[in-house]
Structure formats: C-alpha cells, structure tokens
Amino acid sequence: MRLTLLFFVTIPLFISSQSIRNTNDITYQKVNDSLHAEINTIFQQGDFNGFSVSVVNDQTTLYQKGFGFSDIKERKPYTENTIQNIASVSKTFVGIALLKAQELGKLNLDDPIQKYLPFKIANPLFPQTQITIRQLATHTSSILDNEFYLSKNYFLKPNQDLKGAKLNFDDEQVFNPSDSIITMSNFLENALSENGKWNKDSFSSHQPGAIYEYSNVGTALAAFIVERATGKEFSAFTKKYILKPLQMNDSGWKFEDIQFSKFSKLYENPNTLLPYYQSATYPDGGMITSINDLSKYLTELIKGYNGKGTILSQKSYKEYFTPQLKASNFIDRNDKNPYSESYNSGIFIGFGYTGYIGHTGGDPGVMSMMFFDPKNNLGRIMIFNTNFSDKKGNDAFYGIWNLLEKYQIKLNHKKN
C-alpha cells in the first residue's frame, strides 16, 4: 500500500514540474520571438547589411541571433556563426593576456617597457621618465596614434577579388598592397623609436602616467611586450590561454587561423563594399570571431568579475577589473555616454560613468559593442558588418542596443 501511495503521489508532482517547464519554454520562446521581431523592424530600415547580437549572463548565452546578410550580393545570411573582426573590443583580450603573462611570472605590469624592447622608446619631452606596461594598459603612456597609423598600418588580404571594393576608407585610411605588409615590431619601431621614419607626433605633451589618451599604438606595444616576455607570438599565446580554454573554436587573429568561408563581407555603408584587410598592429582591433564565440568570452568575464573565472586567477581578475584612474587623469572625461570605455580604465577594459563594464569598437566595415552590468550580471554584445555616419544609423544602432536591454531581464528570468 505504501508503494502504491508513493506511486500515485509522485505522478502529479512529475506532471506538475513538467508542466511548469513546458510553460516556461513557451513563455521564453514568446519573449525570444518578440525581441527578434522588434530588432528585425529596425533592420528593415536599411542602415546595415548584416549584424549579430546576444544577451548573456554569468552562466550561459540567453539569446543570440544574426540578422541580414554577410554577403549582400550573394544574399548569404548573417548568422550567429558568421565571423568578422570586432575592432577595439579586441583590446580586452590584450588585458587578459597581460595578466596571464604576469601570472606566469613573465612580466609585471609596473615594469618599465624598455625592459622588454629591442629598440628605445621614450617621450622626447620627458626622456628620463620611464613608461610602464600599466600605463600602456590604462592609456596613460603618452603614446599617440599619428597619421601613419591610418596610412601605413592596414594591408589588403592576399589573393582576393577586389572588383567593386573601395580601397580607402573615410578618404584618409589607406589599404596598402598585400605584398608590402610589415610586422608589428617593424611598425612599432618606425612609429615610436627615436629615429623611426614615422615618428612624427607619436607622443603627447603630457608626462607618461599623467593623462588618459586613448592609444591603439600603445595597445599594440603592450601585445608586443607579451611576445617579448613570453617568447610566444601574441596570436599563439592568446589561443593557448584564452581561445582554446573557452572553446572559441571559430576565433583567431589571422586569416589562416579561421575558416574563411564563414567570414562576412565588410561595408562602408549599405552600398559600398570594402576589401578584406589586416593590420600590422592587429591586437588593437583584429580579433576575428562570431557572436557565438564572443558570448562565451563575455560570460567568462562576468564570471571573472564575480571571482569565478576560469582563465585567470581571482587575484588577476580583481586587478583586471579595478578602476586604475582618477578624475585628475582626464582632460575631457566621458560622463554622458554610459556605454563608453573612457570614463575609467581597468587593464584594457573600460568603465562607463554609470558602471557598465566593457568596450566599443569601430574599424572599416566594423561596429561593435560589448558591455555587462555588474549589478545584475547581464551582458550584451553587437557586431555589425556595416559602418554608419549619420543620425539615422546611430539611432538604429542604439535602438537595437536598447532593445537588448529591454528584454534582457525577461530572457534571464524565463531561461532560468
């Protein structure tokens, strides 16, 4: 009798829990479909050819979707597995790499950069002041991006069909022939060393460590120091310590590292095709990834912020996410856009004035955003294959971003 009673008691419990799961699944799908429909409405305005978005928490990806086309001419869909470069969101990987190298005992963030360099770099106005790795990582090194960053740094991908592609961007950024590509070391020496042929306006008038001045070249120099300190190429080092552990299998820094058939075309605007390109200073913006892979990475960062990360120690993550600067380090502090990395800086990770943590990105044919809210452990990502330069495009871009925020709590609740 006891067994029979237990049998009849457990049946309704089983049915009840199954019913709850089914109801949650149906509700989650409705939320998912509603978000998809609202984003698609903005996409139909025609400002972008293709893009992908995601919402994540500290455990998993709650929503990810591609919209539009990765190749508008061939009508090839842009999906969650489409890959492309993500511009300056890449810099967050440089910060992780620096801290991993420090964990391994290969460098210390407060070391002078000269300890690791084969050529001398110093601000000519402050020749006796040592620049440190930490200053590179917080954009306070006094190293600037000069005109040669745009004219001598970007190179065409070899063996591509250039028919119909525009070979410059914004009338000032030049895509140089593929057979003229130079190494990161060569570019940095030419741009920063005392006798470098491109060392013109490469340093600011501020003493190293004093003022926040965003620097792509400084980021590349930090990655070069990782190479010098560890004896590994930066792309190989990050693959070993970041991409492989997180199973970011579609990601890499170079065309030969990824499955190129998944790579999106890039567009200056919906009607203007750009060529495939790479840069000598690739760590400052050249990470190639998909929304699927980048979502895994953002989930890891949220875990790391909460002391549960897997690719860095708790101590390293704490340093990564500690705001490094004071108000006195800024001349024009960004206290208007909550999604800007320029209100404060961790180790190549940015803070908006309301507390959001992450980074933005922009490059020829690329717009990207990746931020999370430490108050609720929810994060959002967008990757676009089309630039915009007008208010309509800007409103569409942030309209999609705001929709992700509108739905993220519902997605998190229904997923759980």
Protein backbone atom coordinates (compact mmCIF):
# COMPACT_ATOMS: atom_id res chain seq x y z
CA MET A 1 0.00 0.00 0.00
CA ARG A 2 2.81 2.39 0.87
CA LEU A 3 4.46 1.80 -2.51
CA THR A 4 1.19 2.33 -4.31
CA LEU A 5 0.55 5.55 -2.42
CA LEU A 6 4.00 6.87 -3.24
CA PHE A 7 3.44 5.96 -6.86
CA PHE A 8 0.23 7.95 -7.08
CA VAL A 9 1.70 10.89 -5.19
CA THR A 10 4.70 11.22 -7.46
CA ILE A 11 2.71 11.17 -10.70
CA PRO A 12 1.03 14.55 -10.19
CA LEU A 13 4.32 16.02 -8.95
CA PHE A 14 6.03 14.83 -12.09
CA ILE A 15 3.27 16.15 -14.30
CA SER A 16 3.31 19.46 -12.42
CA SER A 17 7.06 20.03 -12.83
CA GLN A 18 6.90 19.01 -16.48
CA SER A 19 4.02 21.39 -16.98
CA ILE A 20 5.97 24.21 -15.42
CA ARG A 21 8.93 23.51 -17.69
CA ASN A 22 6.70 23.47 -20.76
CA THR A 23 5.08 26.75 -19.72
CA ASN A 24 8.48 28.36 -19.17
CA ASP A 25 9.70 27.10 -22.55
CA ILE A 26 6.64 28.53 -24.30
CA THR A 27 6.96 31.86 -22.49
CA TYR A 28 10.70 32.06 -23.22
CA GLN A 29 10.04 31.40 -26.90
CA LYS A 30 7.45 34.19 -26.96
CA VAL A 31 9.98 36.62 -25.43
CA ASN A 32 12.61 35.42 -27.91
CA ASP A 33 10.26 35.85 -30.87
CA SER A 34 9.13 39.28 -29.71
CA LEU A 35 12.72 40.55 -29.40
CA HIS A 36 13.57 39.10 -32.81
CA ALA A 37 10.59 40.86 -34.37
CA GLU A 38 11.46 44.25 -32.84
CA ILE A 39 15.10 44.04 -33.94
CA ASN A 40 14.01 42.94 -37.41
CA THR A 41 11.80 46.03 -37.66
CA ILE A 42 14.86 48.24 -37.14
CA PHE A 43 16.91 46.13 -39.56
CA GLN A 44 14.30 46.68 -42.25
CA GLN A 45 15.11 50.41 -42.19
CA GLY A 46 18.16 49.52 -44.31
CA ASP A 47 21.01 51.08 -42.32
CA PHE A 48 23.05 47.85 -42.03
CA ASN A 49 23.66 44.87 -44.27
CA GLY A 50 24.30 42.34 -41.54
CA PHE A 51 24.89 42.00 -37.83
CA SER A 52 24.56 39.72 -34.83
CA VAL A 53 23.54 40.32 -31.23
CA SER A 54 23.50 38.44 -27.97
CA VAL A 55 22.47 38.64 -24.33
CA VAL A 56 24.39 36.61 -21.74
CA ASN A 57 24.55 36.11 -18.01
CA ASP A 58 27.24 34.61 -15.79
CA GLN A 59 26.26 31.07 -16.79
CA THR A 60 25.26 30.96 -20.44
CA THR A 61 24.02 32.72 -23.54
CA LEU A 62 20.39 33.77 -23.14
CA TYR A 63 19.82 34.98 -26.70
CA GLN A 64 21.88 35.19 -29.87
CA LYS A 65 20.81 35.88 -33.41
CA GLY A 66 22.12 37.02 -36.75
CA PHE A 67 20.23 39.44 -39.00
CA GLY A 68 20.58 40.40 -42.63
CA PHE A 69 23.40 39.28 -44.86
CA SER A 70 27.10 38.56 -44.59
CA ASP A 71 27.27 38.96 -48.37
CA ILE A 72 24.58 41.27 -49.73
CA LYS A 73 25.28 40.42 -53.38
CA GLU A 74 25.03 36.66 -52.84
CA ARG A 75 22.25 37.05 -50.23
CA LYS A 76 24.22 34.92 -47.80
CA PRO A 77 22.64 35.14 -44.33
CA TYR A 78 24.47 36.65 -41.40
CA THR A 79 24.16 34.04 -38.61
CA GLU A 80 25.36 33.51 -35.07
CA ASN A 81 28.32 31.61 -36.57
CA THR A 82 29.33 34.28 -39.09
CA ILE A 83 32.77 35.66 -38.25
CA GLN A 84 34.41 39.03 -38.74
CA ASN A 85 36.87 41.30 -36.98
CA ILE A 86 35.45 43.15 -33.97
CA ALA A 87 37.67 46.27 -33.85
CA SER A 88 38.62 47.64 -30.43
CA VAL A 89 36.62 45.13 -28.40
CA SER A 90 39.77 43.13 -29.20
CA LYS A 91 41.70 45.24 -26.69
CA THR A 92 40.03 43.43 -23.80
CA PHE A 93 41.91 40.30 -24.89
CA VAL A 94 45.21 42.18 -24.60
CA GLY A 95 44.39 42.94 -20.98
CA ILE A 96 43.70 39.28 -20.24
CA ALA A 97 46.94 38.31 -21.99
CA LEU A 98 48.98 40.79 -19.92
CA LEU A 99 47.61 39.42 -16.67
CA LYS A 100 48.14 35.82 -17.77
CA ALA A 101 51.76 36.65 -18.61
CA GLN A 102 52.08 38.26 -15.16
CA GLU A 103 50.59 35.14 -13.54
CA LEU A 104 53.19 33.05 -15.36
CA GLY A 105 55.96 35.25 -13.93
CA LYS A 106 56.96 36.58 -17.34
CA LEU A 107 56.35 40.28 -16.61
CA ASN A 108 54.96 42.72 -14.08
CA LEU A 109 52.54 45.47 -15.03
CA ASP A 110 54.68 48.05 -13.25
CA ASP A 111 57.81 47.10 -15.16
CA PRO A 112 59.25 49.74 -17.49
CA ILE A 113 58.51 48.83 -21.09
CA GLN A 114 62.16 49.26 -22.01
CA LYS A 115 62.98 46.10 -20.08
CA TYR A 116 61.39 44.08 -22.90
CA LEU A 117 62.10 46.11 -26.05
CA PRO A 118 64.85 45.72 -28.66
CA PHE A 119 64.61 49.45 -29.53
CA LYS A 120 64.36 52.52 -27.31
CA ILE A 121 61.02 54.22 -26.75
CA ALA A 122 60.70 57.43 -24.72
CA ASN A 123 58.60 60.56 -24.87
CA PRO A 124 61.12 63.12 -26.20
CA LEU A 125 59.69 65.80 -23.89
CA PHE A 126 60.28 63.53 -20.88
CA PRO A 127 63.29 61.43 -21.89
CA GLN A 128 64.13 60.41 -18.33
CA THR A 129 60.59 59.28 -17.43
CA GLN A 130 60.10 55.54 -17.84
CA ILE A 131 56.88 54.37 -19.50
CA THR A 132 55.39 51.32 -17.76
CA ILE A 133 53.25 48.44 -19.01
CA ARG A 134 50.43 49.57 -16.71
CA GLN A 135 50.44 52.97 -18.39
CA LEU A 136 50.01 51.27 -21.76
CA ALA A 137 47.10 49.25 -20.35
CA THR A 138 45.34 52.36 -18.99
CA HIS A 139 46.04 54.63 -22.00
CA THR A 140 48.21 56.97 -19.92
CA SER A 141 51.56 56.23 -21.58
CA SER A 142 51.57 59.49 -23.62
CA ILE A 143 51.87 57.40 -26.81
CA LEU A 144 49.52 58.65 -29.54
CA ASP A 145 48.17 57.41 -32.87
CA ASN A 146 49.69 59.62 -35.55
CA GLU A 147 48.80 59.94 -39.23
CA PHE A 148 50.89 56.90 -40.15
CA TYR A 149 48.67 54.66 -38.05
CA LEU A 150 45.99 55.07 -40.73
CA SER A 151 48.25 55.31 -43.79
CA LYS A 152 50.91 52.65 -43.12
CA ASN A 153 49.21 50.07 -40.90
CA TYR A 154 46.36 48.49 -42.90
CA PHE A 155 47.04 45.93 -45.63
CA LEU A 156 44.91 44.08 -48.14
CA LYS A 157 44.34 40.38 -47.67
CA PRO A 158 46.30 38.50 -50.35
CA ASN A 159 44.56 36.76 -53.25
CA GLN A 160 41.16 38.42 -53.02
CA ASP A 161 38.86 39.70 -55.74
CA LEU A 162 38.94 43.48 -55.42
CA LYS A 163 36.34 44.16 -58.09
CA GLY A 164 33.85 46.71 -56.78
CA ALA A 165 35.69 47.22 -53.47
CA LYS A 166 36.73 50.66 -52.28
CA LEU A 167 40.45 50.77 -51.50
CA ASN A 168 40.36 53.53 -48.93
CA PHE A 169 38.11 54.39 -46.02
CA ASP A 170 36.83 57.82 -45.00
CA ASP A 171 39.20 59.30 -47.60
CA GLU A 172 42.18 59.05 -45.24
CA GLN A 173 42.59 55.42 -44.18
CA VAL A 174 44.52 53.54 -46.86
CA PHE A 175 44.56 49.80 -47.58
CA ASN A 176 48.14 49.10 -48.63
CA PRO A 177 49.10 46.31 -51.10
CA SER A 178 49.31 42.85 -49.56
CA ASP A 179 52.91 42.38 -50.66
CA SER A 180 54.00 45.41 -48.62
CA ILE A 181 52.83 44.12 -45.23
CA ILE A 182 55.18 44.65 -42.31
CA THR A 183 55.46 43.07 -38.87
CA MET A 184 54.12 44.56 -35.68
CA SER A 185 57.70 45.02 -34.48
CA ASN A 186 58.64 46.90 -37.64
CA PHE A 187 55.67 49.23 -37.42
CA LEU A 188 56.25 50.00 -33.74
CA GLU A 189 59.94 50.69 -34.27
CA ASN A 190 59.20 53.03 -37.17
CA ALA A 191 56.43 54.83 -35.29
CA LEU A 192 57.94 55.10 -31.81
CA SER A 193 61.73 54.73 -31.74
CA GLU A 194 63.87 57.86 -31.68
CA ASN A 195 64.98 57.56 -35.27
CA GLY A 196 61.84 55.90 -36.61
CA LYS A 197 60.82 57.18 -40.03
CA TRP A 198 57.18 57.54 -38.91
CA ASN A 199 57.95 59.06 -35.51
CA LYS A 200 56.03 62.29 -36.02
CA ASP A 201 53.56 63.45 -33.37
CA SER A 202 53.82 60.00 -31.78
CA PHE A 203 53.84 61.36 -28.23
CA SER A 204 51.70 63.88 -26.39
CA SER A 205 52.89 66.86 -24.38
CA HIS A 206 51.87 65.15 -21.15
CA GLN A 207 54.21 63.23 -18.90
CA PRO A 208 53.77 59.43 -19.00
CA GLY A 209 51.26 58.35 -16.37
CA ALA A 210 49.52 61.72 -16.17
CA ILE A 211 46.65 61.87 -18.66
CA TYR A 212 44.27 59.37 -20.29
CA GLU A 213 44.80 59.49 -24.07
CA TYR A 214 43.34 56.53 -25.95
CA SER A 215 46.03 54.78 -27.96
CA ASN A 216 45.81 51.97 -30.49
CA VAL A 217 49.58 52.01 -30.95
CA GLY A 218 50.05 51.74 -27.19
CA THR A 219 47.81 48.67 -27.19
CA ALA A 220 49.86 47.01 -29.91
CA LEU A 221 53.02 47.80 -27.97
CA ALA A 222 51.57 46.04 -24.92
CA ALA A 223 50.85 42.95 -27.04
CA PHE A 224 54.38 43.10 -28.47
CA ILE A 225 55.74 43.13 -24.91
CA VAL A 226 53.70 39.98 -24.18
CA GLU A 227 55.50 38.39 -27.14
CA ARG A 228 58.93 39.53 -25.95
CA ALA A 229 58.30 38.46 -22.36
CA THR A 230 56.81 35.02 -23.10
CA GLY A 231 58.69 34.07 -26.25
CA LYS A 232 55.39 33.29 -27.99
CA GLU A 233 53.67 35.12 -30.82
CA PHE A 234 50.72 37.04 -29.40
CA SER A 235 48.20 35.15 -31.53
CA ALA A 236 49.58 31.80 -30.31
CA PHE A 237 49.71 32.94 -26.68
CA THR A 238 46.08 34.06 -26.67
CA LYS A 239 44.96 30.94 -28.49
CA LYS A 240 46.55 28.78 -25.80
CA TYR A 241 45.40 30.72 -22.76
CA ILE A 242 42.08 32.27 -23.89
CA LEU A 243 40.52 30.87 -27.05
CA LYS A 244 41.10 27.15 -26.54
CA PRO A 245 40.07 27.04 -22.85
CA LEU A 246 36.84 28.88 -23.68
CA GLN A 247 36.22 26.72 -26.77
CA MET A 248 36.16 29.76 -29.02
CA ASN A 249 36.77 27.46 -31.94
CA ASP A 250 35.81 29.90 -34.71
CA SER A 251 38.06 32.69 -33.44
CA GLY A 252 41.58 33.86 -34.16
CA TRP A 253 43.72 36.84 -35.14
CA LYS A 254 44.78 35.89 -38.64
CA PHE A 255 43.05 34.71 -41.79
CA GLU A 256 44.94 31.42 -41.65
CA ASP A 257 43.65 30.80 -38.11
CA ILE A 258 39.97 30.77 -39.04
CA GLN A 259 37.58 29.15 -41.53
CA PHE A 260 37.46 31.93 -44.08
CA SER A 261 34.25 30.72 -45.74
CA LYS A 262 32.43 31.96 -42.59
CA PHE A 263 33.91 35.48 -42.86
CA SER A 264 31.46 38.30 -43.57
CA LYS A 265 31.94 40.88 -46.27
CA LEU A 266 32.50 44.38 -44.84
CA TYR A 267 30.79 47.58 -45.95
CA GLU A 268 31.49 51.29 -45.54
CA ASN A 269 27.76 51.83 -45.95
CA PRO A 270 25.00 49.53 -47.25
CA ASN A 271 26.02 50.22 -50.86
CA THR A 272 29.82 50.36 -50.62
CA LEU A 273 31.87 47.17 -50.36
CA LEU A 274 35.24 47.26 -48.61
CA PRO A 275 38.10 44.79 -49.15
CA TYR A 276 39.28 42.26 -46.61
CA TYR A 277 42.21 43.69 -44.69
CA GLN A 278 44.60 43.09 -41.82
CA SER A 279 46.85 45.36 -39.81
CA ALA A 280 50.40 45.27 -38.52
CA THR A 281 49.09 46.29 -35.09
CA TYR A 282 46.44 43.55 -35.17
CA PRO A 283 46.00 43.12 -31.36
CA ASP A 284 44.44 46.59 -31.10
CA GLY A 285 41.41 45.59 -33.20
CA GLY A 286 41.91 42.45 -35.25
CA MET A 287 40.23 39.69 -33.26
CA ILE A 288 38.13 37.62 -35.69
CA THR A 289 35.18 35.94 -34.01
CA SER A 290 31.47 35.16 -34.09
CA ILE A 291 28.68 36.23 -31.76
CA ASN A 292 28.55 32.62 -30.57
CA ASP A 293 32.20 32.63 -29.54
CA LEU A 294 32.27 36.18 -28.18
CA SER A 295 29.27 35.39 -25.98
CA LYS A 296 31.29 32.62 -24.31
CA TYR A 297 34.03 35.16 -23.66
CA LEU A 298 31.68 37.73 -22.12
CA THR A 299 30.16 35.07 -19.85
CA GLU A 300 33.70 34.26 -18.71
CA LEU A 301 34.40 37.93 -17.97
CA ILE A 302 31.24 38.16 -15.85
CA LYS A 303 32.31 35.01 -14.01
CA GLY A 304 35.75 36.53 -13.51
CA TYR A 305 34.28 39.73 -12.11
CA ASN A 306 32.46 37.61 -9.54
CA GLY A 307 35.53 35.61 -8.56
CA LYS A 308 34.55 32.50 -10.52
CA GLY A 309 36.55 32.86 -13.72
CA THR A 310 38.48 30.02 -15.30
CA ILE A 311 41.21 31.61 -17.47
CA LEU A 312 42.70 33.93 -14.82
CA SER A 313 43.11 33.69 -11.07
CA GLN A 314 40.82 35.64 -8.73
CA LYS A 315 43.73 37.98 -7.99
CA SER A 316 44.35 38.67 -11.67
CA TYR A 317 40.69 39.25 -12.43
CA LYS A 318 40.48 41.66 -9.50
CA GLU A 319 43.33 43.69 -10.99
CA TYR A 320 41.79 43.48 -14.46
CA PHE A 321 38.52 44.98 -13.21
CA THR A 322 39.93 47.53 -10.75
CA PRO A 323 39.48 51.13 -11.99
CA GLN A 324 43.00 52.45 -12.30
CA LEU A 325 42.49 56.19 -12.85
CA LYS A 326 41.33 59.31 -11.00
CA ALA A 327 39.48 62.40 -12.18
CA SER A 328 42.83 64.19 -12.44
CA ASN A 329 43.89 61.73 -15.17
CA PHE A 330 41.24 63.10 -17.54
CA ILE A 331 41.05 66.33 -19.50
CA ASP A 332 37.66 65.64 -21.08
CA ARG A 333 36.06 62.77 -19.19
CA ASN A 334 33.16 60.98 -20.89
CA ASP A 335 30.31 61.37 -18.41
CA LYS A 336 27.50 61.45 -20.96
CA ASN A 337 27.55 58.06 -22.70
CA PRO A 338 27.03 55.15 -20.27
CA TYR A 339 28.39 52.79 -22.93
CA SER A 340 31.85 54.26 -23.30
CA GLU A 341 35.13 52.76 -22.14
CA SER A 342 36.54 56.23 -21.48
CA TYR A 343 35.19 57.15 -18.04
CA ASN A 344 37.71 54.92 -16.30
CA SER A 345 40.01 52.08 -17.24
CA GLY A 346 40.95 48.73 -15.82
CA ILE A 347 43.62 46.71 -17.64
CA PHE A 348 42.41 47.39 -21.20
CA ILE A 349 38.81 47.09 -20.02
CA GLY A 350 36.63 50.18 -19.86
CA PHE A 351 34.07 51.62 -17.46
CA GLY A 352 31.13 53.82 -18.37
CA TYR A 353 30.08 56.54 -15.95
CA THR A 354 27.08 54.53 -14.70
CA GLY A 355 29.18 51.43 -14.01
CA TYR A 356 28.81 49.35 -17.17
CA ILE A 357 32.00 47.43 -17.96
CA GLY A 358 33.23 46.59 -21.46
CA HIS A 359 34.38 48.15 -24.70
CA THR A 360 33.24 49.61 -28.00
CA GLY A 361 34.81 49.11 -31.41
CA GLY A 362 34.94 50.76 -34.81
CA ASP A 363 37.02 49.98 -37.90
CA PRO A 364 36.43 49.96 -41.66
CA GLY A 365 33.23 47.95 -42.11
CA VAL A 366 33.00 47.14 -38.41
CA MET A 367 30.97 48.45 -35.47
CA SER A 368 30.88 46.57 -32.19
CA MET A 369 29.84 46.87 -28.55
CA MET A 370 30.32 44.56 -25.58
CA PHE A 371 29.28 45.54 -22.05
CA PHE A 372 27.93 43.94 -18.91
CA ASP A 373 26.17 45.35 -15.88
CA PRO A 374 27.89 44.22 -12.66
CA LYS A 375 24.70 44.91 -10.70
CA ASN A 376 22.76 42.09 -12.40
CA ASN A 377 25.48 40.08 -14.20
CA LEU A 378 23.79 40.57 -17.58
CA GLY A 379 25.77 41.43 -20.68
CA ARG A 380 25.06 42.47 -24.25
CA ILE A 381 27.05 42.25 -27.50
CA MET A 382 26.54 43.62 -31.01
CA ILE A 383 28.74 43.02 -34.08
CA PHE A 384 27.97 44.86 -37.35
CA ASN A 385 29.49 44.49 -40.83
CA THR A 386 28.41 47.99 -41.92
CA ASN A 387 29.53 51.44 -40.78
CA PHE A 388 27.21 54.37 -40.27
CA SER A 389 27.96 58.09 -40.17
CA ASP A 390 24.59 59.76 -39.75
CA LYS A 391 21.98 60.22 -37.02
CA LYS A 392 19.64 57.68 -38.61
CA GLY A 393 22.27 54.96 -38.43
CA ASN A 394 23.25 55.98 -34.92
CA ASP A 395 19.63 55.84 -33.77
CA ALA A 396 19.19 52.39 -35.34
CA PHE A 397 22.41 51.11 -33.76
CA TYR A 398 21.48 52.25 -30.27
CA GLY A 399 17.86 51.33 -30.85
CA ILE A 400 18.91 47.70 -31.21
CA TRP A 401 21.19 48.01 -28.17
CA ASN A 402 18.32 49.39 -26.11
CA LEU A 403 16.04 46.56 -27.21
CA LEU A 404 18.54 44.06 -25.84
CA GLU A 405 18.40 45.90 -22.53
CA LYS A 406 14.60 45.99 -22.63
CA TYR A 407 14.39 42.21 -22.98
CA GLN A 408 17.44 41.01 -21.00
CA ILE A 409 15.67 40.67 -17.64
CA LYS A 410 12.80 38.73 -19.22
CA LEU A 411 15.24 36.47 -21.07
CA ASN A 412 17.21 35.82 -17.89
CA HIS A 413 14.06 35.06 -15.88
CA LYS A 414 12.49 32.79 -18.48
CA LYS A 415 15.75 30.96 -19.20
CA ASN A 416 16.06 30.10 -15.55
